[in-house]
Amino acid sequence: MDAPLYHPAAAYAVPTILPYQIGTRTCTIGELKGLAAAWPIVLKHMPAVQYIVQAPGFEKQLDNMTLADLAVFSAQDNSATLDAIDDDLARLFPNKGRAR
């Protein structure tokens, strides 16, 4: 079987980043940590996250995991906490809407 032939593009379209909602299920931990106004909200509701992100080897996960992904490893149900963080973030970033 021969490999398919791909013809060159007729025009180049600059990639654009689509808008998304700032939230615990839509942003990585690294993105939330990078938002100066959002990170204190995260720490207010989940103070242990401050120590988790400083753990050796965890820096590789900052851009791969959301807070919802991290909450899976907890022994307790964190859905109410994640919802509270999302509510606070929605008030902070009203034009982005509530993440769901």
PDB file of N, CA and C in Angstrom:
ATOM      1  N   MET A   1       0.847  -1.173   0.000  1.00  0.00           N
ATOM      2  CA  MET A   1       0.000   0.000   0.000  1.00  0.00           C
ATOM      3  C   MET A   1       0.893   1.237   0.000  1.00  0.00           C
ATOM      4  N   ASP A   2       0.608   2.169  -0.887  1.00  0.00           N
ATOM      5  CA  ASP A   2       1.377   3.403  -0.971  1.00  0.00           C
ATOM      6  C   ASP A   2       0.863   4.425   0.031  1.00  0.00           C
ATOM      7  N   ALA A   3       1.779   5.266   0.446  1.00  0.00           N
ATOM      8  CA  ALA A   3       1.402   6.349   1.360  1.00  0.00           C
ATOM      9  C   ALA A   3       0.581   7.377   0.583  1.00  0.00           C
ATOM     10  N   PRO A   4      -0.403   7.998   1.231  1.00  0.00           N
ATOM     11  CA  PRO A   4      -1.227   8.991   0.540  1.00  0.00           C
ATOM     12  C   PRO A   4      -0.416  10.243   0.199  1.00  0.00           C
ATOM     13  N   LEU A   5      -0.805  10.888  -0.875  1.00  0.00           N
ATOM     14  CA  LEU A   5      -0.178  12.148  -1.274  1.00  0.00           C
ATOM     15  C   LEU A   5      -0.947  13.299  -0.657  1.00  0.00           C
ATOM     16  N   TYR A   6      -0.242  14.183  -0.013  1.00  0.00           N
ATOM     17  CA  TYR A   6      -0.859  15.369   0.571  1.00  0.00           C
ATOM     18  C   TYR A   6      -0.391  16.587  -0.210  1.00  0.00           C
ATOM     19  N   HIS A   7      -1.329  17.269  -0.818  1.00  0.00           N
ATOM     20  CA  HIS A   7      -0.992  18.443  -1.613  1.00  0.00           C
ATOM     21  C   HIS A   7      -0.774  19.640  -0.693  1.00  0.00           C
ATOM     22  N   PRO A   8       0.066  20.591  -1.123  1.00  0.00           N
ATOM     23  CA  PRO A   8       0.290  21.768  -0.283  1.00  0.00           C
ATOM     24  C   PRO A   8      -0.987  22.580  -0.109  1.00  0.00           C
ATOM     25  N   ALA A   9      -1.071  23.249   1.004  1.00  0.00           N
ATOM     26  CA  ALA A   9      -2.245  24.070   1.294  1.00  0.00           C
ATOM     27  C   ALA A   9      -2.320  25.243   0.335  1.00  0.00           C
ATOM     28  N   ALA A  10      -3.532  25.604  -0.023  1.00  0.00           N
ATOM     29  CA  ALA A  10      -3.729  26.741  -0.927  1.00  0.00           C
ATOM     30  C   ALA A  10      -3.516  28.060  -0.189  1.00  0.00           C
ATOM     31  N   ALA A  11      -3.814  28.082   1.098  1.00  0.00           N
ATOM     32  CA  ALA A  11      -3.657  29.306   1.891  1.00  0.00           C
ATOM     33  C   ALA A  11      -3.384  28.907   3.336  1.00  0.00           C
ATOM     34  N   TYR A  12      -2.783  29.831   4.053  1.00  0.00           N
ATOM     35  CA  TYR A  12      -2.466  29.585   5.458  1.00  0.00           C
ATOM     36  C   TYR A  12      -3.427  30.373   6.330  1.00  0.00           C
ATOM     37  N   ALA A  13      -4.035  29.698   7.250  1.00  0.00           N
ATOM     38  CA  ALA A  13      -4.915  30.356   8.205  1.00  0.00           C
ATOM     39  C   ALA A  13      -4.228  30.348   9.562  1.00  0.00           C
ATOM     40  N   VAL A  14      -4.080  31.512  10.156  1.00  0.00           N
ATOM     41  CA  VAL A  14      -3.441  31.616  11.459  1.00  0.00           C
ATOM     42  C   VAL A  14      -4.313  30.924  12.505  1.00  0.00           C
ATOM     43  N   PRO A  15      -3.740  30.015  13.277  1.00  0.00           N
ATOM     44  CA  PRO A  15      -4.542  29.344  14.298  1.00  0.00           C
ATOM     45  C   PRO A  15      -5.002  30.337  15.365  1.00  0.00           C
ATOM     46  N   THR A  16      -6.204  30.152  15.824  1.00  0.00           N
ATOM     47  CA  THR A  16      -6.733  31.022  16.869  1.00  0.00           C
ATOM     48  C   THR A  16      -7.126  30.167  18.070  1.00  0.00           C
ATOM     49  N   ILE A  17      -6.961  30.744  19.236  1.00  0.00           N
ATOM     50  CA  ILE A  17      -7.355  30.055  20.465  1.00  0.00           C
ATOM     51  C   ILE A  17      -8.815  30.388  20.729  1.00  0.00           C
ATOM     52  N   LEU A  18      -9.616  29.364  20.832  1.00  0.00           N
ATOM     53  CA  LEU A  18     -11.030  29.569  21.097  1.00  0.00           C
ATOM     54  C   LEU A  18     -11.228  29.980  22.553  1.00  0.00           C
ATOM     55  N   PRO A  19     -12.215  30.822  22.820  1.00  0.00           N
ATOM     56  CA  PRO A  19     -12.465  31.205  24.217  1.00  0.00           C
ATOM     57  C   PRO A  19     -12.951  30.002  25.026  1.00  0.00           C
ATOM     58  N   TYR A  20     -12.558  29.975  26.266  1.00  0.00           N
ATOM     59  CA  TYR A  20     -13.005  28.907  27.143  1.00  0.00           C
ATOM     60  C   TYR A  20     -13.281  29.490  28.519  1.00  0.00           C
ATOM     61  N   GLN A  21     -13.971  28.726  29.308  1.00  0.00           N
ATOM     62  CA  GLN A  21     -14.364  29.178  30.642  1.00  0.00           C
ATOM     63  C   GLN A  21     -13.247  28.869  31.639  1.00  0.00           C
ATOM     64  N   ILE A  22     -12.997  29.825  32.510  1.00  0.00           N
ATOM     65  CA  ILE A  22     -12.006  29.631  33.559  1.00  0.00           C
ATOM     66  C   ILE A  22     -12.662  28.799  34.656  1.00  0.00           C
ATOM     67  N   GLY A  23     -12.121  27.619  34.922  1.00  0.00           N
ATOM     68  CA  GLY A  23     -12.721  26.769  35.939  1.00  0.00           C
ATOM     69  C   GLY A  23     -11.859  25.582  36.294  1.00  0.00           C
ATOM     70  N   THR A  24     -12.315  24.827  37.268  1.00  0.00           N
ATOM     71  CA  THR A  24     -11.560  23.692  37.781  1.00  0.00           C
ATOM     72  C   THR A  24     -11.552  22.498  36.836  1.00  0.00           C
ATOM     73  N   ARG A  25     -12.497  22.484  35.919  1.00  0.00           N
ATOM     74  CA  ARG A  25     -12.588  21.363  34.981  1.00  0.00           C
ATOM     75  C   ARG A  25     -12.095  21.738  33.587  1.00  0.00           C
ATOM     76  N   THR A  26     -11.844  23.020  33.358  1.00  0.00           N
ATOM     77  CA  THR A  26     -11.473  23.480  32.013  1.00  0.00           C
ATOM     78  C   THR A  26     -10.067  24.038  31.926  1.00  0.00           C
ATOM     79  N   CYS A  27      -9.455  24.371  33.035  1.00  0.00           N
ATOM     80  CA  CYS A  27      -8.099  24.931  33.059  1.00  0.00           C
ATOM     81  C   CYS A  27      -7.173  23.984  33.806  1.00  0.00           C
ATOM     82  N   THR A  28      -5.941  23.927  33.346  1.00  0.00           N
ATOM     83  CA  THR A  28      -4.971  23.113  34.073  1.00  0.00           C
ATOM     84  C   THR A  28      -4.581  23.813  35.364  1.00  0.00           C
ATOM     85  N   ILE A  29      -3.981  23.066  36.254  1.00  0.00           N
ATOM     86  CA  ILE A  29      -3.508  23.644  37.510  1.00  0.00           C
ATOM     87  C   ILE A  29      -2.484  24.737  37.216  1.00  0.00           C
ATOM     88  N   GLY A  30      -1.642  24.512  36.217  1.00  0.00           N
ATOM     89  CA  GLY A  30      -0.647  25.514  35.837  1.00  0.00           C
ATOM     90  C   GLY A  30      -1.275  26.804  35.346  1.00  0.00           C
ATOM     91  N   GLU A  31      -2.364  26.688  34.587  1.00  0.00           N
ATOM     92  CA  GLU A  31      -3.061  27.895  34.117  1.00  0.00           C
ATOM     93  C   GLU A  31      -3.659  28.662  35.288  1.00  0.00           C
ATOM     94  N   LEU A  32      -4.306  27.948  36.201  1.00  0.00           N
ATOM     95  CA  LEU A  32      -4.893  28.615  37.368  1.00  0.00           C
ATOM     96  C   LEU A  32      -3.811  29.233  38.244  1.00  0.00           C
ATOM     97  N   LYS A  33      -2.702  28.530  38.384  1.00  0.00           N
ATOM     98  CA  LYS A  33      -1.593  29.052  39.186  1.00  0.00           C
ATOM     99  C   LYS A  33      -1.008  30.305  38.538  1.00  0.00           C
ATOM    100  N   GLY A  34      -1.032  30.364  37.221  1.00  0.00           N
ATOM    101  CA  GLY A  34      -0.501  31.510  36.495  1.00  0.00           C
ATOM    102  C   GLY A  34      -1.409  32.734  36.527  1.00  0.00           C
ATOM    103  N   LEU A  35      -2.661  32.560  36.884  1.00  0.00           N
ATOM    104  CA  LEU A  35      -3.585  33.695  36.987  1.00  0.00           C
ATOM    105  C   LEU A  35      -3.516  34.234  38.413  1.00  0.00           C
ATOM    106  N   ALA A  36      -2.904  35.402  38.547  1.00  0.00           N
ATOM    107  CA  ALA A  36      -2.656  35.962  39.882  1.00  0.00           C
ATOM    108  C   ALA A  36      -3.928  36.125  40.700  1.00  0.00           C
ATOM    109  N   ALA A  37      -5.041  36.418  40.058  1.00  0.00           N
ATOM    110  CA  ALA A  37      -6.296  36.613  40.790  1.00  0.00           C
ATOM    111  C   ALA A  37      -6.987  35.289  41.104  1.00  0.00           C
ATOM    112  N   ALA A  38      -6.725  34.251  40.333  1.00  0.00           N
ATOM    113  CA  ALA A  38      -7.425  32.977  40.509  1.00  0.00           C
ATOM    114  C   ALA A  38      -6.765  32.070  41.544  1.00  0.00           C
ATOM    115  N   TRP A  39      -5.445  32.102  41.624  1.00  0.00           N
ATOM    116  CA  TRP A  39      -4.742  31.165  42.502  1.00  0.00           C
ATOM    117  C   TRP A  39      -5.123  31.323  43.972  1.00  0.00           C
ATOM    118  N   PRO A  40      -5.279  32.553  44.516  1.00  0.00           N
ATOM    119  CA  PRO A  40      -5.726  32.666  45.918  1.00  0.00           C
ATOM    120  C   PRO A  40      -7.104  32.049  46.165  1.00  0.00           C
ATOM    121  N   ILE A  41      -7.964  32.079  45.164  1.00  0.00           N
ATOM    122  CA  ILE A  41      -9.281  31.451  45.298  1.00  0.00           C
ATOM    123  C   ILE A  41      -9.129  29.943  45.439  1.00  0.00           C
ATOM    124  N   VAL A  42      -8.258  29.367  44.619  1.00  0.00           N
ATOM    125  CA  VAL A  42      -8.010  27.928  44.693  1.00  0.00           C
ATOM    126  C   VAL A  42      -7.473  27.567  46.078  1.00  0.00           C
ATOM    127  N   LEU A  43      -6.500  28.340  46.559  1.00  0.00           N
ATOM    128  CA  LEU A  43      -5.888  28.040  47.854  1.00  0.00           C
ATOM    129  C   LEU A  43      -6.852  28.267  49.014  1.00  0.00           C
ATOM    130  N   LYS A  44      -7.796  29.185  48.852  1.00  0.00           N
ATOM    131  CA  LYS A  44      -8.793  29.420  49.902  1.00  0.00           C
ATOM    132  C   LYS A  44      -9.654  28.176  50.112  1.00  0.00           C
ATOM    133  N   HIS A  45     -10.021  27.524  49.030  1.00  0.00           N
ATOM    134  CA  HIS A  45     -10.901  26.358  49.107  1.00  0.00           C
ATOM    135  C   HIS A  45     -10.134  25.037  49.267  1.00  0.00           C
ATOM    136  N   MET A  46      -8.934  24.974  48.693  1.00  0.00           N
ATOM    137  CA  MET A  46      -8.138  23.744  48.743  1.00  0.00           C
ATOM    138  C   MET A  46      -6.701  24.088  49.149  1.00  0.00           C
ATOM    139  N   PRO A  47      -6.463  24.414  50.416  1.00  0.00           N
ATOM    140  CA  PRO A  47      -5.130  24.850  50.830  1.00  0.00           C
ATOM    141  C   PRO A  47      -4.035  23.807  50.617  1.00  0.00           C
ATOM    142  N   ALA A  48      -4.376  22.540  50.637  1.00  0.00           N
ATOM    143  CA  ALA A  48      -3.364  21.494  50.467  1.00  0.00           C
ATOM    144  C   ALA A  48      -2.749  21.499  49.069  1.00  0.00           C
ATOM    145  N   VAL A  49      -3.439  22.081  48.109  1.00  0.00           N
ATOM    146  CA  VAL A  49      -2.923  22.132  46.736  1.00  0.00           C
ATOM    147  C   VAL A  49      -1.583  22.869  46.690  1.00  0.00           C
ATOM    148  N   GLN A  50      -1.409  23.843  47.565  1.00  0.00           N
ATOM    149  CA  GLN A  50      -0.156  24.600  47.614  1.00  0.00           C
ATOM    150  C   GLN A  50       1.026  23.663  47.848  1.00  0.00           C
ATOM    151  N   TYR A  51       0.856  22.670  48.701  1.00  0.00           N
ATOM    152  CA  TYR A  51       1.938  21.736  49.005  1.00  0.00           C
ATOM    153  C   TYR A  51       2.065  20.653  47.937  1.00  0.00           C
ATOM    154  N   ILE A  52       0.948  20.275  47.358  1.00  0.00           N
ATOM    155  CA  ILE A  52       0.975  19.243  46.315  1.00  0.00           C
ATOM    156  C   ILE A  52       1.743  19.741  45.101  1.00  0.00           C
ATOM    157  N   VAL A  53       1.510  20.984  44.688  1.00  0.00           N
ATOM    158  CA  VAL A  53       2.180  21.499  43.485  1.00  0.00           C
ATOM    159  C   VAL A  53       3.670  21.732  43.717  1.00  0.00           C
ATOM    160  N   GLN A  54       4.096  21.786  44.969  1.00  0.00           N
ATOM    161  CA  GLN A  54       5.514  21.957  45.266  1.00  0.00           C
ATOM    162  C   GLN A  54       6.240  20.625  45.440  1.00  0.00           C
ATOM    163  N   ALA A  55       5.519  19.531  45.375  1.00  0.00           N
ATOM    164  CA  ALA A  55       6.120  18.212  45.566  1.00  0.00           C
ATOM    165  C   ALA A  55       7.101  17.918  44.429  1.00  0.00           C
ATOM    166  N   PRO A  56       8.214  17.285  44.756  1.00  0.00           N
ATOM    167  CA  PRO A  56       9.184  16.955  43.708  1.00  0.00           C
ATOM    168  C   PRO A  56       8.549  16.085  42.625  1.00  0.00           C
ATOM    169  N   GLY A  57       8.761  16.454  41.402  1.00  0.00           N
ATOM    170  CA  GLY A  57       8.230  15.699  40.269  1.00  0.00           C
ATOM    171  C   GLY A  57       6.844  16.105  39.826  1.00  0.00           C
ATOM    172  N   PHE A  58       6.138  16.906  40.626  1.00  0.00           N
ATOM    173  CA  PHE A  58       4.770  17.277  40.258  1.00  0.00           C
ATOM    174  C   PHE A  58       4.731  18.368  39.195  1.00  0.00           C
ATOM    175  N   GLU A  59       5.831  19.088  39.009  1.00  0.00           N
ATOM    176  CA  GLU A  59       5.819  20.186  38.037  1.00  0.00           C
ATOM    177  C   GLU A  59       5.467  19.704  36.625  1.00  0.00           C
ATOM    178  N   LYS A  60       5.720  18.441  36.342  1.00  0.00           N
ATOM    179  CA  LYS A  60       5.356  17.887  35.033  1.00  0.00           C
ATOM    180  C   LYS A  60       3.843  17.783  34.866  1.00  0.00           C
ATOM    181  N   GLN A  61       3.130  17.711  35.972  1.00  0.00           N
ATOM    182  CA  GLN A  61       1.679  17.555  35.918  1.00  0.00           C
ATOM    183  C   GLN A  61       0.933  18.881  35.887  1.00  0.00           C
ATOM    184  N   LEU A  62       1.613  19.989  36.172  1.00  0.00           N
ATOM    185  CA  LEU A  62       0.929  21.283  36.255  1.00  0.00           C
ATOM    186  C   LEU A  62       0.176  21.628  34.975  1.00  0.00           C
ATOM    187  N   ASP A  63       0.745  21.301  33.829  1.00  0.00           N
ATOM    188  CA  ASP A  63       0.104  21.632  32.562  1.00  0.00           C
ATOM    189  C   ASP A  63      -0.675  20.464  31.971  1.00  0.00           C
ATOM    190  N   ASN A  64      -0.801  19.389  32.727  1.00  0.00           N
ATOM    191  CA  ASN A  64      -1.527  18.214  32.244  1.00  0.00           C
ATOM    192  C   ASN A  64      -2.793  17.898  33.031  1.00  0.00           C
ATOM    193  N   MET A  65      -2.865  18.377  34.275  1.00  0.00           N
ATOM    194  CA  MET A  65      -3.982  18.020  35.139  1.00  0.00           C
ATOM    195  C   MET A  65      -4.813  19.241  35.510  1.00  0.00           C
ATOM    196  N   THR A  66      -6.113  19.026  35.602  1.00  0.00           N
ATOM    197  CA  THR A  66      -7.002  20.043  36.156  1.00  0.00           C
ATOM    198  C   THR A  66      -7.176  19.746  37.643  1.00  0.00           C
ATOM    199  N   LEU A  67      -7.781  20.680  38.362  1.00  0.00           N
ATOM    200  CA  LEU A  67      -8.080  20.403  39.769  1.00  0.00           C
ATOM    201  C   LEU A  67      -9.056  19.242  39.904  1.00  0.00           C
ATOM    202  N   ALA A  68      -9.968  19.120  38.957  1.00  0.00           N
ATOM    203  CA  ALA A  68     -10.909  17.995  38.985  1.00  0.00           C
ATOM    204  C   ALA A  68     -10.164  16.667  38.809  1.00  0.00           C
ATOM    205  N   ASP A  69      -9.137  16.664  37.956  1.00  0.00           N
ATOM    206  CA  ASP A  69      -8.325  15.456  37.799  1.00  0.00           C
ATOM    207  C   ASP A  69      -7.607  15.116  39.099  1.00  0.00           C
ATOM    208  N   LEU A  70      -7.074  16.127  39.760  1.00  0.00           N
ATOM    209  CA  LEU A  70      -6.350  15.920  41.006  1.00  0.00           C
ATOM    210  C   LEU A  70      -7.291  15.443  42.117  1.00  0.00           C
ATOM    211  N   ALA A  71      -8.511  15.941  42.116  1.00  0.00           N
ATOM    212  CA  ALA A  71      -9.479  15.594  43.166  1.00  0.00           C
ATOM    213  C   ALA A  71      -9.842  14.107  43.140  1.00  0.00           C
ATOM    214  N   VAL A  72      -9.658  13.456  42.024  1.00  0.00           N
ATOM    215  CA  VAL A  72      -9.957  12.027  41.921  1.00  0.00           C
ATOM    216  C   VAL A  72      -9.108  11.226  42.906  1.00  0.00           C
ATOM    217  N   PHE A  73      -7.912  11.715  43.202  1.00  0.00           N
ATOM    218  CA  PHE A  73      -7.000  10.989  44.081  1.00  0.00           C
ATOM    219  C   PHE A  73      -7.264  11.246  45.557  1.00  0.00           C
ATOM    220  N   SER A  74      -8.257  12.046  45.865  1.00  0.00           N
ATOM    221  CA  SER A  74      -8.604  12.346  47.249  1.00  0.00           C
ATOM    222  C   SER A  74      -9.538  11.269  47.796  1.00  0.00           C
ATOM    223  N   ALA A  75      -9.476  11.063  49.101  1.00  0.00           N
ATOM    224  CA  ALA A  75     -10.343  10.067  49.739  1.00  0.00           C
ATOM    225  C   ALA A  75     -11.758  10.594  49.934  1.00  0.00           C
ATOM    226  N   GLN A  76     -11.940  11.907  49.825  1.00  0.00           N
ATOM    227  CA  GLN A  76     -13.265  12.488  50.042  1.00  0.00           C
ATOM    228  C   GLN A  76     -13.844  13.026  48.734  1.00  0.00           C
ATOM    229  N   ASP A  77     -15.128  13.282  48.744  1.00  0.00           N
ATOM    230  CA  ASP A  77     -15.809  13.844  47.579  1.00  0.00           C
ATOM    231  C   ASP A  77     -15.571  15.360  47.559  1.00  0.00           C
ATOM    232  N   ASN A  78     -14.901  15.844  46.533  1.00  0.00           N
ATOM    233  CA  ASN A  78     -14.558  17.261  46.431  1.00  0.00           C
ATOM    234  C   ASN A  78     -15.446  18.018  45.454  1.00  0.00           C
ATOM    235  N   SER A  79     -16.543  17.432  45.003  1.00  0.00           N
ATOM    236  CA  SER A  79     -17.365  18.094  43.990  1.00  0.00           C
ATOM    237  C   SER A  79     -17.938  19.419  44.499  1.00  0.00           C
ATOM    238  N   ALA A  80     -18.329  19.491  45.754  1.00  0.00           N
ATOM    239  CA  ALA A  80     -18.853  20.746  46.302  1.00  0.00           C
ATOM    240  C   ALA A  80     -17.755  21.807  46.368  1.00  0.00           C
ATOM    241  N   THR A  81     -16.550  21.393  46.711  1.00  0.00           N
ATOM    242  CA  THR A  81     -15.419  22.328  46.759  1.00  0.00           C
ATOM    243  C   THR A  81     -15.093  22.832  45.364  1.00  0.00           C
ATOM    244  N   LEU A  82     -15.075  21.942  44.389  1.00  0.00           N
ATOM    245  CA  LEU A  82     -14.806  22.353  43.007  1.00  0.00           C
ATOM    246  C   LEU A  82     -15.885  23.309  42.503  1.00  0.00           C
ATOM    247  N   ASP A  83     -17.139  23.031  42.865  1.00  0.00           N
ATOM    248  CA  ASP A  83     -18.237  23.929  42.476  1.00  0.00           C
ATOM    249  C   ASP A  83     -18.082  25.303  43.123  1.00  0.00           C
ATOM    250  N   ALA A  84     -17.642  25.338  44.383  1.00  0.00           N
ATOM    251  CA  ALA A  84     -17.439  26.618  45.065  1.00  0.00           C
ATOM    252  C   ALA A  84     -16.318  27.414  44.410  1.00  0.00           C
ATOM    253  N   ILE A  85     -15.247  26.736  44.020  1.00  0.00           N
ATOM    254  CA  ILE A  85     -14.152  27.416  43.304  1.00  0.00           C
ATOM    255  C   ILE A  85     -14.662  27.952  41.969  1.00  0.00           C
ATOM    256  N   ASP A  86     -15.425  27.132  41.247  1.00  0.00           N
ATOM    257  CA  ASP A  86     -15.987  27.578  39.960  1.00  0.00           C
ATOM    258  C   ASP A  86     -16.897  28.790  40.135  1.00  0.00           C
ATOM    259  N   ASP A  87     -17.695  28.803  41.199  1.00  0.00           N
ATOM    260  CA  ASP A  87     -18.569  29.953  41.463  1.00  0.00           C
ATOM    261  C   ASP A  87     -17.750  31.225  41.703  1.00  0.00           C
ATOM    262  N   ASP A  88     -16.695  31.110  42.512  1.00  0.00           N
ATOM    263  CA  ASP A  88     -15.843  32.274  42.775  1.00  0.00           C
ATOM    264  C   ASP A  88     -15.119  32.730  41.510  1.00  0.00           C
ATOM    265  N   LEU A  89     -14.665  31.790  40.709  1.00  0.00           N
ATOM    266  CA  LEU A  89     -13.982  32.153  39.460  1.00  0.00           C
ATOM    267  C   LEU A  89     -14.947  32.811  38.481  1.00  0.00           C
ATOM    268  N   ALA A  90     -16.196  32.361  38.481  1.00  0.00           N
ATOM    269  CA  ALA A  90     -17.197  32.967  37.596  1.00  0.00           C
ATOM    270  C   ALA A  90     -17.461  34.414  37.993  1.00  0.00           C
ATOM    271  N   ARG A  91     -17.425  34.702  39.297  1.00  0.00           N
ATOM    272  CA  ARG A  91     -17.586  36.090  39.749  1.00  0.00           C
ATOM    273  C   ARG A  91     -16.358  36.923  39.390  1.00  0.00           C
ATOM    274  N   LEU A  92     -15.197  36.305  39.427  1.00  0.00           N
ATOM    275  CA  LEU A  92     -13.956  37.004  39.121  1.00  0.00           C
ATOM    276  C   LEU A  92     -13.814  37.262  37.627  1.00  0.00           C
ATOM    277  N   PHE A  93     -14.227  36.298  36.818  1.00  0.00           N
ATOM    278  CA  PHE A  93     -14.147  36.403  35.357  1.00  0.00           C
ATOM    279  C   PHE A  93     -15.556  36.293  34.778  1.00  0.00           C
ATOM    280  N   PRO A  94     -16.400  37.314  34.954  1.00  0.00           N
ATOM    281  CA  PRO A  94     -17.804  37.202  34.552  1.00  0.00           C
ATOM    282  C   PRO A  94     -17.997  37.045  33.047  1.00  0.00           C
ATOM    283  N   ASN A  95     -17.109  37.569  32.251  1.00  0.00           N
ATOM    284  CA  ASN A  95     -17.280  37.470  30.796  1.00  0.00           C
ATOM    285  C   ASN A  95     -16.977  36.079  30.278  1.00  0.00           C
ATOM    286  N   LYS A  96     -16.353  35.241  31.090  1.00  0.00           N
ATOM    287  CA  LYS A  96     -16.026  33.888  30.661  1.00  0.00           C
ATOM    288  C   LYS A  96     -17.126  32.889  30.997  1.00  0.00           C
ATOM    289  N   GLY A  97     -18.016  33.251  31.919  1.00  0.00           N
ATOM    290  CA  GLY A  97     -19.095  32.340  32.288  1.00  0.00           C
ATOM    291  C   GLY A  97     -18.637  31.314  33.311  1.00  0.00           C
ATOM    292  N   ARG A  98     -19.597  30.524  33.759  1.00  0.00           N
ATOM    293  CA  ARG A  98     -19.310  29.499  34.764  1.00  0.00           C
ATOM    294  C   ARG A  98     -18.932  28.210  34.063  1.00  0.00           C
ATOM    295  N   ALA A  99     -17.847  27.614  34.504  1.00  0.00           N
ATOM    296  CA  ALA A  99     -17.388  26.364  33.905  1.00  0.00           C
ATOM    297  C   ALA A  99     -18.293  25.219  34.340  1.00  0.00           C
ATOM    298  N   ARG A 100     -18.701  24.406  33.395  1.00  0.00           N
ATOM    299  CA  ARG A 100     -19.500  23.211  33.677  1.00  0.00           C
ATOM    300  C   ARG A 100     -19.267  22.181  32.628  1.00  0.00           C
TER     301      ARG A 100
END
